[in-house]
Amino acid sequence: SWAGGVVDGGVIDPDRTSQNPCLTTARANLQAALTLLEGLRQQGMTRLVLVQVAAPVHWLLLPGCWQPEVIWHDTAIDERSAAFLALGMATARGRAVAVVTTSGTAVANLLPAAVEADRSSQPLLLLTADRPARLKNCGANQTVNQEQFLQPVCRWLGHGAPEGLASQPPQELLDLANEAWRHCHGRPPGPVQ
């Protein structure tokens, strides 16, 4: 039920992407992200919240990338409000809602809602991007150690391959989604990253 991505007219042209390494990487990243979301959908996720200013996650809004009747999305103006919107929806539905954000200090803004989810035992999926290992601890922008921000309140911290999700086989991504959902809805339920 998921498309492979979008470039002109709603379809990625494999001939064009194979000639351009940037498009090949973008397509692989898009496909990996969609596979991860498909795994969460298979577990029962029906809603997610995007941050309006998070340009790298706007691929979710592209026509043809996914079917809104399968997973409904909402947007919020910033990470903090996105996390609280997702927490409210999770509380009302009794099942996890995902928040999709970029990396670095964006992740720090999820902490207040993550604390509330932890203390109230509400399932909350915190899907955060991260910089490649080669850009960490080198003075590059947004390279804070974001894993430590949420660790004290999360039931589980999942990680993709250091090379990026696109380097992982689809089954590993589906397994990652399964583990995230399982820990999020465990005893007691709570946030996972």
Protein backbone atom coordinates (compact mmCIF):
# COMPACT_ATOMS: atom_id res chain seq x y z
CA SER A 1 0.00 0.00 0.00
CA TRP A 2 3.06 2.28 -0.09
CA ALA A 3 4.51 3.99 -3.14
CA GLY A 4 8.25 4.08 -3.73
CA GLY A 5 8.47 7.85 -3.66
CA VAL A 6 7.82 10.97 -5.66
CA VAL A 7 9.67 13.04 -8.21
CA ASP A 8 7.92 14.64 -11.25
CA GLY A 9 4.27 13.70 -11.60
CA GLY A 10 4.08 11.44 -8.56
CA VAL A 11 6.54 8.75 -9.71
CA ILE A 12 10.28 8.31 -9.30
CA ASP A 13 11.91 7.51 -12.60
CA PRO A 14 14.46 4.73 -11.87
CA ASP A 15 16.53 5.72 -14.90
CA ARG A 16 16.86 9.30 -13.62
CA THR A 17 17.66 8.31 -10.05
CA SER A 18 20.30 5.76 -11.06
CA GLN A 19 22.18 8.52 -12.90
CA ASN A 20 22.20 10.91 -9.94
CA PRO A 21 23.74 9.68 -6.66
CA CYS A 22 21.86 12.32 -4.63
CA LEU A 23 18.50 11.15 -5.98
CA THR A 24 19.49 7.52 -5.45
CA THR A 25 20.31 8.26 -1.79
CA ALA A 26 17.14 10.31 -1.34
CA ARG A 27 15.04 7.51 -2.83
CA ALA A 28 16.70 4.90 -0.60
CA ASN A 29 16.10 7.07 2.48
CA LEU A 30 12.49 7.66 1.50
CA GLN A 31 11.88 3.95 0.94
CA ALA A 32 13.49 3.07 4.29
CA ALA A 33 11.34 5.64 6.12
CA LEU A 34 8.19 4.37 4.42
CA THR A 35 9.12 0.79 5.31
CA LEU A 36 9.54 1.78 8.96
CA LEU A 37 6.14 3.53 8.91
CA GLU A 38 4.59 0.49 7.23
CA GLY A 39 5.94 -1.65 10.07
CA LEU A 40 4.33 0.68 12.61
CA ARG A 41 1.08 0.63 10.64
CA GLN A 42 1.13 -3.17 10.73
CA GLN A 43 1.38 -2.96 14.51
CA GLY A 44 -1.63 -0.63 14.72
CA MET A 45 -0.38 2.94 14.35
CA THR A 46 -2.98 5.11 12.62
CA ARG A 47 -1.78 8.66 13.37
CA LEU A 48 1.39 10.71 13.34
CA VAL A 49 2.31 14.34 13.91
CA LEU A 50 4.83 16.27 11.81
CA VAL A 51 6.54 19.52 12.68
CA GLN A 52 5.77 22.16 10.03
CA VAL A 53 9.30 23.53 9.96
CA ALA A 54 10.97 20.13 9.66
CA ALA A 55 11.70 20.24 5.93
CA PRO A 56 13.47 16.84 5.89
CA VAL A 57 10.28 15.10 7.00
CA HIS A 58 7.99 16.83 4.50
CA TRP A 59 8.39 13.85 2.17
CA LEU A 60 5.43 12.49 4.11
CA LEU A 61 3.25 15.24 2.69
CA LEU A 62 4.10 14.49 -0.94
CA PRO A 63 1.17 13.13 -2.95
CA GLY A 64 1.48 9.44 -3.68
CA CYS A 65 3.99 8.65 -0.90
CA TRP A 66 1.36 7.15 1.33
CA GLN A 67 -2.35 6.76 1.74
CA PRO A 68 -3.84 9.16 4.30
CA GLU A 69 -6.71 6.78 5.02
CA VAL A 70 -4.12 4.27 6.28
CA ILE A 71 -2.17 6.65 8.54
CA TRP A 72 -3.58 10.10 9.21
CA HIS A 73 -1.16 12.95 9.84
CA ASP A 74 -1.41 16.26 11.65
CA THR A 75 1.10 19.09 11.71
CA ALA A 76 2.24 21.34 14.54
CA ILE A 77 4.18 24.58 14.57
CA ASP A 78 7.09 23.27 16.68
CA GLU A 79 8.42 20.09 18.29
CA ARG A 80 7.06 20.80 21.76
CA SER A 81 3.51 21.37 20.55
CA ALA A 82 3.78 18.40 18.16
CA ALA A 83 4.74 16.11 21.03
CA PHE A 84 1.89 17.35 23.23
CA LEU A 85 -0.59 17.01 20.35
CA ALA A 86 0.54 13.42 19.83
CA LEU A 87 0.36 12.73 23.57
CA GLY A 88 -3.21 14.04 23.71
CA MET A 89 -4.25 11.89 20.76
CA ALA A 90 -2.53 8.83 22.27
CA THR A 91 -4.28 9.42 25.58
CA ALA A 92 -7.67 9.75 23.86
CA ARG A 93 -7.16 6.64 21.69
CA GLY A 94 -5.21 4.41 24.05
CA ARG A 95 -2.62 3.64 21.38
CA ALA A 96 0.65 5.20 20.34
CA VAL A 97 0.83 8.21 18.06
CA ALA A 98 4.17 9.04 16.43
CA VAL A 99 5.95 12.40 16.44
CA VAL A 100 8.40 12.83 13.54
CA THR A 101 11.19 15.38 14.04
CA THR A 102 14.60 16.36 12.79
CA SER A 103 17.76 15.96 14.85
CA GLY A 104 19.70 17.85 17.50
CA THR A 105 18.01 20.39 19.67
CA ALA A 106 14.65 19.56 18.05
CA VAL A 107 14.75 16.35 20.08
CA ALA A 108 15.27 18.28 23.33
CA ASN A 109 11.91 19.97 22.77
CA LEU A 110 10.18 16.57 23.00
CA LEU A 111 11.25 16.12 26.63
CA PRO A 112 8.28 17.78 28.42
CA ALA A 113 5.71 15.62 26.61
CA ALA A 114 7.90 12.54 27.00
CA VAL A 115 8.02 13.14 30.77
CA GLU A 116 4.22 13.48 30.86
CA ALA A 117 3.83 10.28 28.80
CA ASP A 118 6.20 8.46 31.15
CA ARG A 119 4.47 9.62 34.34
CA SER A 120 0.97 8.98 32.99
CA SER A 121 1.91 5.68 31.27
CA GLN A 122 0.77 6.82 27.83
CA PRO A 123 2.25 5.27 24.67
CA LEU A 124 4.19 7.78 22.56
CA LEU A 125 6.51 7.09 19.60
CA LEU A 126 9.30 9.64 19.18
CA LEU A 127 10.73 9.20 15.67
CA THR A 128 13.81 11.39 15.48
CA ALA A 129 16.45 11.88 12.82
CA ASP A 130 20.12 11.96 13.73
CA ARG A 131 23.31 13.15 12.11
CA PRO A 132 25.70 10.60 10.61
CA ALA A 133 28.41 9.38 12.99
CA ARG A 134 31.07 11.22 10.97
CA LEU A 135 29.41 14.56 11.83
CA LYS A 136 29.13 13.96 15.56
CA ASN A 137 31.49 15.65 18.02
CA CYS A 138 33.19 17.61 15.26
CA GLY A 139 31.66 21.04 15.74
CA ALA A 140 29.05 20.59 13.00
CA ASN A 141 25.60 22.12 13.45
CA GLN A 142 22.98 20.18 15.45
CA THR A 143 25.35 17.42 16.63
CA VAL A 144 24.37 17.28 20.29
CA ASN A 145 24.14 13.86 21.93
CA GLN A 146 20.39 13.62 21.53
CA GLU A 147 20.15 10.04 22.75
CA GLN A 148 20.74 11.25 26.32
CA PHE A 149 17.93 13.84 26.25
CA LEU A 150 15.09 11.34 26.46
CA GLN A 151 16.75 8.24 27.90
CA PRO A 152 15.59 8.71 31.53
CA VAL A 153 11.90 8.70 30.56
CA CYS A 154 11.82 6.28 27.62
CA ARG A 155 10.88 2.63 27.93
CA TRP A 156 13.26 1.82 25.09
CA LEU A 157 15.72 3.57 22.78
CA GLY A 158 15.87 2.05 19.31
CA HIS A 159 18.61 2.79 16.83
CA GLY A 160 18.98 2.33 13.13
CA ALA A 161 22.30 1.42 11.59
CA PRO A 162 25.01 4.08 12.01
CA GLU A 163 25.16 4.29 8.19
CA GLY A 164 21.46 5.22 8.12
CA LEU A 165 18.14 3.41 7.77
CA ALA A 166 18.63 3.05 4.02
CA SER A 167 21.53 0.66 4.69
CA GLN A 168 19.23 -1.76 6.51
CA PRO A 169 17.26 -4.55 4.84
CA PRO A 170 13.47 -4.05 4.96
CA GLN A 171 12.98 -6.88 7.47
CA GLU A 172 15.32 -5.17 9.96
CA LEU A 173 13.23 -1.99 9.64
CA LEU A 174 10.02 -3.94 10.21
CA ASP A 175 11.64 -5.60 13.25
CA LEU A 176 12.68 -2.16 14.56
CA ALA A 177 9.08 -0.95 14.21
CA ASN A 178 7.79 -4.08 15.98
CA GLU A 179 10.19 -3.59 18.91
CA ALA A 180 9.27 0.08 19.23
CA TRP A 181 5.56 -0.71 19.28
CA ARG A 182 6.02 -3.58 21.73
CA HIS A 183 7.95 -1.45 24.22
CA CYS A 184 5.62 1.51 23.77
CA HIS A 185 2.61 -0.63 24.67
CA GLY A 186 4.40 -2.71 27.32
CA ARG A 187 3.69 -2.91 31.03
CA PRO A 188 3.48 -0.04 31.75
CA PRO A 189 3.05 1.77 28.42
CA GLY A 190 5.16 4.84 27.78
CA PRO A 191 7.37 6.76 25.38
CA VAL A 192 10.00 5.18 23.14
CA GLN A 193 12.55 6.78 20.87
